[in-house]
Amino acid sequence: MTGLRTESGPSYAAVLGVGAYRPSRLVPNSEIVDAIDSSDEWIQQRSGIRTRRFATDDETVVSMSVAASQQALEAAGIDVQQVDCVIVATVSHLMQTPSAATAIAHELGADQPAAFDISAACAGFCHGVALANDMVRAGSARYALVIGVERLSDITDPTDRGTAFIFADGAGAVVVGPSETPGIGPVVWGSDGEHYDHIRSRQDWRDVLASDEPQMPHLTMKGNEVFRWASFSMAKVAQQALDRAGVTVDQLDCFIPHQANNRITDAMARSLRLPDSVRIARDIVDAGNTSAASVPMALRRMIDDGDARSGDVALLIAFGAGLAYAAQVVVVP
């Protein structure tokens, strides 16, 4: 038997461009508080959130992804015809099949790329970056488009005091492609399935359809348990990502965690002993928690505001339902 041919790619890959789309409807805390018997002060104290964005009927998972992707492609200087793979991280594309990725690729005008969705909740985007990095370096894709997108307003109960003020909508995207120097560090990822039910859909669809009054199976969350788990466990994961990339906290320029809660971000920063020179993403204040979209949206915001500059070293980390997590160090394009 003759040996099989295999492919190989460039030694290194990098994030080449970043894009984001923020829905048009701005929702302040004042629109949330009455239904959950709360206050603006309480929401800001608990989460740091002042406003968030909710998508209109015209702002779909596909359309928001297309807009974010176009910005990322333009920033990267890459034509969509060069994209070999589209990876979409989402939990709020409400059609079971086909994937959102195939529709997004078509709307973008891509030339029949591989296209698929991944379901890793808030950690999905960082999972997608890891996959894209490996694909480019292995030679199975020259350029990969990674998208994090959510319309969580569709699956959030506006009367649930534990979630109504947290979740929001939006999309972020990056182009991953070949690089002459290392641009994406090794991924540290995993899951803590013992606590898989800490964040979950309220009901199985079969139970919904069997009920007399079917309702959307909204998200539920054990907020205190998730807070304790993330605050304690994720700093260790973040440190592992730094160690595997050979980067010290003193060499770090930006810290871009999943925008889950400002108090969790503060706890991780303290545990990591981040110096004052490290710029920390706080997109949650005005964007809420956009799950898989939060890390790329926060990165794009930092680029736009001048807090993340080309060549900066940034630590990405995300965690969510499952409980799934992923982290890696990247160089800002």
Protein backbone atom coordinates (compact mmCIF):
# COMPACT_ATOMS: atom_id res chain seq x y z
CA MET A 1 0.00 0.00 0.00
CA THR A 2 1.37 3.39 -0.96
CA GLY A 3 1.49 6.16 1.64
CA LEU A 4 -1.35 8.68 1.75
CA ARG A 5 -0.61 12.22 0.75
CA THR A 6 -1.11 14.80 3.46
CA GLU A 7 -1.30 18.56 3.41
CA SER A 8 0.71 21.06 5.37
CA GLY A 9 0.33 24.79 5.72
CA PRO A 10 2.30 27.75 7.01
CA SER A 11 4.19 27.55 10.27
CA TYR A 12 2.08 30.27 11.83
CA ALA A 13 -1.38 31.79 11.67
CA ALA A 14 -2.73 35.09 12.96
CA VAL A 15 -5.86 37.17 13.31
CA LEU A 16 -5.71 39.46 10.27
CA GLY A 17 -8.85 41.57 10.70
CA VAL A 18 -11.66 42.17 13.19
CA GLY A 19 -15.24 43.31 12.61
CA ALA A 20 -18.37 43.86 14.68
CA TYR A 21 -22.03 44.70 14.28
CA ARG A 22 -24.10 46.33 17.01
CA PRO A 23 -27.88 46.27 16.61
CA SER A 24 -29.66 49.58 16.19
CA ARG A 25 -31.96 49.43 19.20
CA LEU A 26 -30.33 50.76 22.37
CA VAL A 27 -32.01 49.45 25.53
CA PRO A 28 -31.20 51.23 28.82
CA ASN A 29 -31.74 49.64 32.20
CA SER A 30 -34.85 51.78 32.63
CA GLU A 31 -36.63 49.58 30.05
CA ILE A 32 -35.73 46.41 31.97
CA VAL A 33 -36.32 47.24 35.62
CA ASP A 34 -40.12 47.27 35.95
CA ALA A 35 -40.61 43.71 34.69
CA ILE A 36 -38.07 42.35 37.19
CA ASP A 37 -38.86 44.67 40.12
CA SER A 38 -35.34 46.08 40.07
CA SER A 39 -33.45 49.35 39.60
CA ASP A 40 -30.73 50.82 37.42
CA GLU A 41 -28.48 51.03 40.47
CA TRP A 42 -28.98 47.35 41.32
CA ILE A 43 -28.23 46.20 37.75
CA GLN A 44 -25.07 48.28 37.51
CA GLN A 45 -23.91 47.10 40.92
CA ARG A 46 -24.52 43.44 40.07
CA SER A 47 -23.14 43.41 36.53
CA GLY A 48 -21.75 46.76 35.43
CA ILE A 49 -24.33 46.99 32.63
CA ARG A 50 -25.89 50.38 31.80
CA THR A 51 -27.30 49.64 28.35
CA ARG A 52 -27.47 46.81 25.86
CA ARG A 53 -28.55 46.30 22.24
CA PHE A 54 -31.55 44.31 21.07
CA ALA A 55 -31.92 43.35 17.41
CA THR A 56 -34.89 44.51 15.38
CA ASP A 57 -36.84 42.09 13.18
CA ASP A 58 -34.56 42.97 10.25
CA GLU A 59 -31.37 42.34 12.22
CA THR A 60 -31.10 38.58 12.01
CA VAL A 61 -28.34 36.18 13.00
CA VAL A 62 -27.38 36.01 9.33
CA SER A 63 -27.56 39.73 8.52
CA MET A 64 -25.60 40.78 11.63
CA SER A 65 -22.95 38.15 10.85
CA VAL A 66 -22.64 39.35 7.27
CA ALA A 67 -22.12 42.95 8.40
CA ALA A 68 -19.47 42.00 10.98
CA SER A 69 -17.73 39.70 8.48
CA GLN A 70 -17.57 42.37 5.79
CA GLN A 71 -15.84 44.70 8.23
CA ALA A 72 -13.39 41.98 9.25
CA LEU A 73 -12.59 41.11 5.63
CA GLU A 74 -12.04 44.76 4.77
CA ALA A 75 -9.77 45.21 7.79
CA ALA A 76 -7.79 42.13 6.77
CA GLY A 77 -7.56 43.18 3.11
CA ILE A 78 -8.92 39.77 2.11
CA ASP A 79 -11.45 39.13 -0.64
CA VAL A 80 -14.30 36.86 0.39
CA GLN A 81 -13.43 34.54 -2.51
CA GLN A 82 -10.23 33.67 -0.64
CA VAL A 83 -12.14 32.32 2.38
CA ASP A 84 -12.02 28.52 2.53
CA CYS A 85 -14.01 28.03 5.74
CA VAL A 86 -16.73 29.86 7.67
CA ILE A 87 -17.15 28.95 11.34
CA VAL A 88 -20.10 30.38 13.25
CA ALA A 89 -20.39 30.22 17.03
CA THR A 90 -23.95 30.75 18.25
CA VAL A 91 -26.68 29.35 20.47
CA SER A 92 -29.47 31.56 19.15
CA HIS A 93 -29.82 30.51 15.52
CA LEU A 94 -33.25 29.03 16.10
CA MET A 95 -33.34 26.81 13.02
CA GLN A 96 -31.95 23.42 13.92
CA THR A 97 -30.69 22.84 10.39
CA PRO A 98 -29.19 23.96 8.06
CA SER A 99 -26.42 25.88 9.78
CA ALA A 100 -26.31 29.65 9.87
CA ALA A 101 -22.79 29.41 8.46
CA THR A 102 -23.94 28.14 5.06
CA ALA A 103 -26.42 31.01 4.67
CA ILE A 104 -23.84 33.57 5.81
CA ALA A 105 -21.25 32.25 3.36
CA HIS A 106 -23.79 32.50 0.55
CA GLU A 107 -24.84 36.04 1.50
CA LEU A 108 -21.20 37.11 1.59
CA GLY A 109 -20.64 35.69 -1.89
CA ALA A 110 -18.00 33.18 -0.81
CA ASP A 111 -16.95 30.48 -3.27
CA GLN A 112 -18.48 27.33 -1.73
CA PRO A 113 -16.35 27.26 1.43
CA ALA A 114 -16.68 24.71 4.18
CA ALA A 115 -19.26 26.19 6.56
CA PHE A 116 -20.56 24.98 9.90
CA ASP A 117 -21.88 26.13 13.26
CA ILE A 118 -20.46 25.23 16.66
CA SER A 119 -22.38 25.23 19.92
CA ALA A 120 -20.08 26.06 22.81
CA ALA A 121 -22.18 28.94 24.15
CA CYS A 122 -20.18 31.95 25.34
CA ALA A 123 -16.91 30.11 24.74
CA GLY A 124 -17.78 29.36 21.11
CA PHE A 125 -15.81 32.17 19.49
CA CYS A 126 -12.55 31.20 21.22
CA HIS A 127 -13.20 27.60 20.17
CA GLY A 128 -13.63 28.84 16.60
CA VAL A 129 -10.34 30.76 16.68
CA ALA A 130 -8.56 27.61 17.87
CA LEU A 131 -10.10 25.55 15.08
CA ALA A 132 -9.25 28.18 12.45
CA ASN A 133 -5.66 28.43 13.67
CA ASP A 134 -5.21 24.67 13.40
CA MET A 135 -6.89 24.52 9.98
CA VAL A 136 -4.69 27.24 8.49
CA ARG A 137 -1.51 25.73 9.89
CA ALA A 138 -2.50 22.23 8.76
CA GLY A 139 -3.22 23.41 5.22
CA SER A 140 -6.94 22.60 5.15
CA ALA A 141 -7.84 26.29 4.81
CA ARG A 142 -5.88 29.25 3.54
CA TYR A 143 -8.16 31.80 5.21
CA ALA A 144 -10.92 31.11 7.72
CA LEU A 145 -13.70 33.42 8.84
CA VAL A 146 -14.72 33.01 12.49
CA ILE A 147 -17.98 34.60 13.64
CA GLY A 148 -19.59 34.91 17.04
CA VAL A 149 -23.23 36.00 16.80
CA GLU A 150 -26.27 36.04 19.07
CA ARG A 151 -29.88 37.19 19.24
CA LEU A 152 -30.28 36.31 22.90
CA SER A 153 -33.27 38.64 23.22
CA ASP A 154 -35.22 35.89 21.43
CA ILE A 155 -34.53 33.35 24.16
CA THR A 156 -34.45 35.57 27.25
CA ASP A 157 -37.43 35.81 29.60
CA PRO A 158 -37.98 39.55 30.23
CA THR A 159 -39.48 38.73 33.65
CA ASP A 160 -36.59 36.58 34.89
CA ARG A 161 -34.74 38.66 37.48
CA GLY A 162 -31.62 36.52 37.06
CA THR A 163 -31.16 36.91 33.29
CA ALA A 164 -33.37 39.65 31.81
CA PHE A 165 -30.86 42.45 32.40
CA ILE A 166 -27.80 40.46 31.30
CA PHE A 167 -28.23 39.08 27.80
CA ALA A 168 -28.13 41.05 24.56
CA ASP A 169 -27.56 40.84 20.80
CA GLY A 170 -24.72 41.46 18.35
CA ALA A 171 -22.06 39.93 16.12
CA GLY A 172 -18.29 39.90 15.88
CA ALA A 173 -15.96 38.32 13.33
CA VAL A 174 -12.28 37.77 12.62
CA VAL A 175 -10.30 36.58 9.62
CA VAL A 176 -7.60 34.03 10.45
CA GLY A 177 -4.87 33.42 7.91
CA PRO A 178 -1.17 32.68 7.37
CA SER A 179 1.50 34.71 9.13
CA GLU A 180 5.27 34.90 9.04
CA THR A 181 5.37 35.18 12.83
CA PRO A 182 3.30 33.53 15.58
CA GLY A 183 -0.03 35.33 15.94
CA ILE A 184 -2.22 32.87 17.86
CA GLY A 185 -0.99 30.98 20.90
CA PRO A 186 -1.96 27.47 21.96
CA VAL A 187 -5.54 27.08 23.11
CA VAL A 188 -6.41 26.00 26.64
CA TRP A 189 -9.93 24.64 26.51
CA GLY A 190 -12.19 22.20 28.22
CA SER A 191 -15.51 21.73 29.97
CA ASP A 192 -16.81 21.11 33.47
CA GLY A 193 -19.83 18.99 32.68
CA GLU A 194 -20.55 18.31 36.33
CA HIS A 195 -22.16 21.76 36.31
CA TYR A 196 -23.67 21.64 32.82
CA ASP A 197 -27.07 22.74 34.12
CA HIS A 198 -25.85 26.03 35.64
CA ILE A 199 -26.78 27.77 32.36
CA ARG A 200 -29.33 26.03 30.19
CA SER A 201 -32.55 26.21 28.23
CA ARG A 202 -35.50 26.04 30.58
CA GLN A 203 -37.11 23.13 28.69
CA ASP A 204 -36.38 20.48 26.11
CA TRP A 205 -38.20 21.25 22.84
CA ARG A 206 -40.07 17.95 23.14
CA ASP A 207 -41.51 19.09 26.46
CA VAL A 208 -42.41 22.46 24.97
CA LEU A 209 -44.31 20.91 22.08
CA ALA A 210 -46.10 18.48 24.38
CA SER A 211 -47.42 21.25 26.64
CA ASP A 212 -50.87 22.79 26.32
CA GLU A 213 -49.43 26.29 25.92
CA PRO A 214 -46.06 26.03 24.12
CA GLN A 215 -43.62 28.82 24.97
CA MET A 216 -40.06 29.58 23.99
CA PRO A 217 -37.64 27.60 26.21
CA HIS A 218 -35.88 30.62 27.64
CA LEU A 219 -32.41 30.61 29.15
CA THR A 220 -32.02 30.09 32.87
CA MET A 221 -28.90 30.60 34.94
CA LYS A 222 -27.73 29.88 38.46
CA GLY A 223 -26.02 33.23 38.73
CA ASN A 224 -24.27 32.84 42.08
CA GLU A 225 -22.88 29.43 41.19
CA VAL A 226 -21.62 30.62 37.80
CA PHE A 227 -20.06 33.69 39.41
CA ARG A 228 -18.16 31.60 41.95
CA TRP A 229 -17.05 29.03 39.36
CA ALA A 230 -15.84 31.61 36.83
CA SER A 231 -14.13 33.84 39.39
CA PHE A 232 -12.22 30.90 40.87
CA SER A 233 -11.56 28.64 37.88
CA MET A 234 -11.05 30.94 34.90
CA ALA A 235 -8.05 32.82 36.27
CA LYS A 236 -6.25 29.47 36.36
CA VAL A 237 -7.20 28.81 32.73
CA ALA A 238 -6.06 32.29 31.75
CA GLN A 239 -2.71 31.73 33.44
CA GLN A 240 -2.32 28.41 31.63
CA ALA A 241 -2.92 30.15 28.30
CA LEU A 242 -0.25 32.72 29.13
CA ASP A 243 2.19 30.01 30.18
CA ARG A 244 1.61 27.91 27.05
CA ALA A 245 2.16 30.99 24.88
CA GLY A 246 5.33 31.88 26.79
CA VAL A 247 3.93 35.27 27.78
CA THR A 248 4.11 36.88 31.23
CA VAL A 249 1.55 39.31 32.59
CA ASP A 250 4.16 42.05 32.25
CA GLN A 251 4.31 41.38 28.51
CA LEU A 252 0.54 41.51 28.11
CA ASP A 253 -1.03 44.63 26.60
CA CYS A 254 -4.75 43.76 26.60
CA PHE A 255 -7.05 41.47 28.56
CA ILE A 256 -10.26 40.64 26.67
CA PRO A 257 -12.44 38.28 28.69
CA HIS A 258 -15.96 37.18 27.85
CA GLN A 259 -18.19 40.08 28.79
CA ALA A 260 -20.21 38.17 31.36
CA ASN A 261 -20.02 40.41 34.39
CA ASN A 262 -17.68 43.23 35.39
CA ARG A 263 -17.22 41.68 38.83
CA ILE A 264 -15.98 38.43 37.27
CA THR A 265 -13.57 40.43 35.11
CA ASP A 266 -12.29 42.25 38.20
CA ALA A 267 -11.84 38.98 40.08
CA MET A 268 -9.81 37.45 37.24
CA ALA A 269 -7.66 40.57 36.90
CA ARG A 270 -6.86 40.45 40.62
CA SER A 271 -6.06 36.73 40.56
CA LEU A 272 -3.77 37.19 37.55
CA ARG A 273 -2.15 40.22 39.23
CA LEU A 274 -2.45 42.19 36.03
CA PRO A 275 -0.34 45.36 36.12
CA ASP A 276 -2.01 48.73 35.60
CA SER A 277 -0.49 48.88 32.11
CA VAL A 278 -2.78 46.07 30.88
CA ARG A 279 -5.89 47.50 29.22
CA ILE A 280 -9.04 45.57 30.10
CA ALA A 281 -12.13 45.24 27.90
CA ARG A 282 -15.31 46.63 29.47
CA ASP A 283 -17.68 46.40 26.54
CA ILE A 284 -20.33 44.85 28.79
CA VAL A 285 -21.15 48.30 30.21
CA ASP A 286 -22.85 49.40 26.98
CA ALA A 287 -23.32 46.09 25.14
CA GLY A 288 -24.46 43.62 27.78
CA ASN A 289 -23.56 39.94 27.62
CA THR A 290 -23.65 38.86 23.99
CA SER A 291 -22.40 35.31 24.62
CA ALA A 292 -20.37 34.03 21.65
CA ALA A 293 -20.21 37.54 20.16
CA SER A 294 -18.80 39.25 23.23
CA VAL A 295 -15.06 38.68 22.77
CA PRO A 296 -14.79 39.80 19.11
CA MET A 297 -17.13 42.73 19.77
CA ALA A 298 -15.02 43.79 22.75
CA LEU A 299 -11.82 43.45 20.72
CA ARG A 300 -13.25 45.60 17.92
CA ARG A 301 -14.35 48.22 20.46
CA MET A 302 -10.85 48.36 21.93
CA ILE A 303 -9.35 48.77 18.45
CA ASP A 304 -11.79 51.56 17.60
CA ASP A 305 -11.11 53.33 20.90
CA GLY A 306 -7.32 53.02 20.53
CA ASP A 307 -7.02 50.74 23.56
CA ALA A 308 -5.79 47.85 21.41
CA ARG A 309 -3.17 48.66 18.81
CA SER A 310 -1.64 46.63 16.02
CA GLY A 311 1.05 44.35 17.44
CA ASP A 312 -0.33 44.37 20.96
CA VAL A 313 -0.43 41.07 22.81
CA ALA A 314 -3.94 40.21 24.01
CA LEU A 315 -5.30 37.43 26.19
CA LEU A 316 -8.73 36.14 25.15
CA ILE A 317 -10.81 33.96 27.44
CA ALA A 318 -14.45 32.93 27.36
CA PHE A 319 -16.66 30.63 29.41
CA GLY A 320 -20.31 29.71 29.54
CA ALA A 321 -22.98 27.02 29.37
CA GLY A 322 -21.67 23.52 29.56
CA LEU A 323 -19.64 24.70 31.47
CA ALA A 324 -17.33 25.17 28.48
CA TYR A 325 -14.29 27.41 28.33
CA ALA A 326 -11.40 28.37 26.04
CA ALA A 327 -8.51 30.82 26.13
CA GLN A 328 -5.61 31.85 23.94
CA VAL A 329 -3.12 34.67 23.47
CA VAL A 330 -3.29 36.54 20.16
CA VAL A 331 -1.50 39.40 18.50
CA VAL A 332 -3.83 42.29 17.63
CA PRO A 333 -3.87 42.89 13.85
